[in-house]
Amino acid sequence: MIKIEIPNPDIVITKKRQVGEPVESVLSSVYGFTDYNRIPRDKGGIILFFNANDDLLFVGKARKLRPRVKRHFEDTVSPIKAHRDEVNKIAVIVVDEPMEREIYETYIINTLQAKYNIDKVFYK
């Protein structure tokens, strides 16, 4: 049996209710994430989207984390496009090796039963 441990997130950002002027980033002012710039731009890893009850909504992987998070909120083909308002917290785990990203993504989707992942699902 293979034993896999889910790493602790390196960065966690939470939606904030904005008061006053919107911040300079379109993403931040529209979806409430004012500190998404803490996510590394040129690192690869796993992205986990949670709702306000800390239920896992979606798990994704990326070679470049920050641009991928941004695309999830802007793309018309993103798997979470209909559920963007539901996202309350984004957790990022930095994983440089592509094979390790693939393994972690599949393992997390099935262990924590991500709500909106449809590929790589073995628990249904």
Protein backbone atom coordinates (compact mmCIF):
# COMPACT_ATOMS: atom_id res chain seq x y z
CA MET A 1 0.00 0.00 0.00
CA ILE A 2 1.23 3.46 -0.86
CA LYS A 3 1.00 6.04 1.90
CA ILE A 4 0.49 9.65 0.79
CA GLU A 5 0.22 12.58 3.15
CA ILE A 6 -1.45 15.76 1.97
CA PRO A 7 1.01 18.61 2.56
CA ASN A 8 -0.06 21.64 4.57
CA PRO A 9 -0.86 24.66 2.38
CA ASP A 10 1.99 27.11 1.87
CA ILE A 11 -0.37 30.04 1.32
CA VAL A 12 -4.01 30.53 2.28
CA ILE A 13 -5.93 33.59 1.19
CA THR A 14 -9.45 34.39 2.30
CA LYS A 15 -12.11 36.57 0.71
CA LYS A 16 -12.43 39.92 2.42
CA ARG A 17 -15.35 42.28 2.36
CA GLN A 18 -14.04 45.46 0.82
CA VAL A 19 -14.93 48.87 2.14
CA GLY A 20 -14.21 52.06 0.23
CA GLU A 21 -12.13 52.22 -2.94
CA PRO A 22 -11.55 49.03 -4.93
CA VAL A 23 -7.95 47.89 -5.02
CA GLU A 24 -5.91 48.15 -8.21
CA SER A 25 -6.42 44.55 -9.32
CA VAL A 26 -9.64 43.72 -11.17
CA LEU A 27 -9.62 40.21 -9.72
CA SER A 28 -9.35 41.51 -6.19
CA SER A 29 -12.08 44.10 -6.45
CA VAL A 30 -14.55 41.76 -8.12
CA TYR A 31 -14.09 38.57 -6.11
CA GLY A 32 -12.85 39.93 -2.80
CA PHE A 33 -9.36 38.42 -2.74
CA THR A 34 -7.14 41.38 -1.95
CA ASP A 35 -3.95 39.44 -1.25
CA TYR A 36 -3.85 36.92 -4.09
CA ASN A 37 -0.52 38.52 -5.02
CA ARG A 38 1.00 36.41 -2.19
CA ILE A 39 0.61 33.39 -4.48
CA PRO A 40 3.91 32.70 -6.30
CA ARG A 41 3.85 33.65 -9.96
CA ASP A 42 6.50 31.24 -11.31
CA LYS A 43 6.06 28.20 -9.04
CA GLY A 44 4.02 25.11 -9.75
CA GLY A 45 1.64 23.45 -7.36
CA ILE A 46 -1.84 22.52 -6.26
CA ILE A 47 -4.75 24.97 -5.83
CA LEU A 48 -7.65 24.19 -3.50
CA PHE A 49 -10.85 26.25 -3.51
CA PHE A 50 -13.05 26.17 -0.39
CA ASN A 51 -16.46 27.64 0.46
CA ALA A 52 -17.39 29.51 3.66
CA ASN A 53 -18.01 26.21 5.50
CA ASP A 54 -14.52 24.94 4.57
CA ASP A 55 -15.99 22.37 2.18
CA LEU A 56 -13.60 21.59 -0.68
CA LEU A 57 -15.11 22.82 -3.94
CA PHE A 58 -12.38 22.22 -6.51
CA VAL A 59 -8.78 21.04 -6.77
CA GLY A 60 -6.50 22.03 -9.63
CA LYS A 61 -2.84 21.95 -10.49
CA ALA A 62 -0.68 24.46 -12.34
CA ARG A 63 2.85 25.01 -13.60
CA LYS A 64 2.45 28.70 -12.74
CA LEU A 65 0.13 29.22 -9.79
CA ARG A 66 -0.91 32.89 -9.79
CA PRO A 67 -1.85 33.10 -13.49
CA ARG A 68 -3.85 29.88 -13.14
CA VAL A 69 -5.81 31.18 -10.15
CA LYS A 70 -6.56 34.33 -12.11
CA ARG A 71 -7.77 32.30 -15.11
CA HIS A 72 -10.15 30.32 -12.87
CA PHE A 73 -11.88 33.60 -12.06
CA GLU A 74 -11.84 35.02 -15.61
CA ASP A 75 -12.15 32.06 -18.02
CA THR A 76 -15.44 31.16 -19.61
CA VAL A 77 -14.42 27.49 -19.59
CA SER A 78 -13.23 27.18 -15.98
CA PRO A 79 -14.82 24.26 -14.11
CA ILE A 80 -15.78 26.63 -11.29
CA LYS A 81 -17.18 29.43 -13.46
CA ALA A 82 -20.74 28.92 -12.20
CA HIS A 83 -19.54 28.72 -8.59
CA ARG A 84 -17.06 31.62 -8.36
CA ASP A 85 -19.16 33.49 -5.82
CA GLU A 86 -19.12 30.41 -3.60
CA VAL A 87 -15.30 30.46 -3.25
CA ASN A 88 -14.33 31.92 0.11
CA LYS A 89 -10.81 30.58 0.60
CA ILE A 90 -7.96 29.57 -1.71
CA ALA A 91 -5.17 27.33 -0.41
CA VAL A 92 -1.98 26.80 -2.40
CA ILE A 93 0.53 23.99 -1.99
CA VAL A 94 3.82 24.58 -3.84
CA VAL A 95 4.91 21.38 -5.62
CA ASP A 96 7.63 21.75 -8.25
CA GLU A 97 7.65 18.23 -9.73
CA PRO A 98 4.91 17.67 -12.37
CA MET A 99 4.46 13.99 -11.46
CA GLU A 100 4.05 14.83 -7.78
CA ARG A 101 1.45 17.51 -8.69
CA GLU A 102 -0.53 14.92 -10.65
CA ILE A 103 -0.44 12.42 -7.78
CA TYR A 104 -1.38 14.98 -5.12
CA GLU A 105 -4.20 16.39 -7.23
CA THR A 106 -5.79 12.98 -7.82
CA TYR A 107 -5.29 11.93 -4.20
CA ILE A 108 -6.78 15.15 -2.77
CA ILE A 109 -9.78 15.05 -5.14
CA ASN A 110 -10.66 11.53 -4.01
CA THR A 111 -9.70 11.72 -0.34
CA LEU A 112 -11.39 15.03 0.43
CA GLN A 113 -14.12 14.51 -2.21
CA ALA A 114 -13.95 17.80 -4.07
CA LYS A 115 -17.45 18.88 -5.01
CA TYR A 116 -16.91 20.23 -8.55
CA ASN A 117 -14.11 18.01 -9.87
CA ILE A 118 -15.43 15.64 -12.50
CA ASP A 119 -12.18 14.18 -13.85
CA LYS A 120 -10.02 11.82 -11.79
CA VAL A 121 -12.94 10.96 -9.49
CA PHE A 122 -12.99 7.40 -8.14
CA TYR A 123 -15.29 7.76 -5.12
CA LYS A 124 -18.68 8.12 -6.88
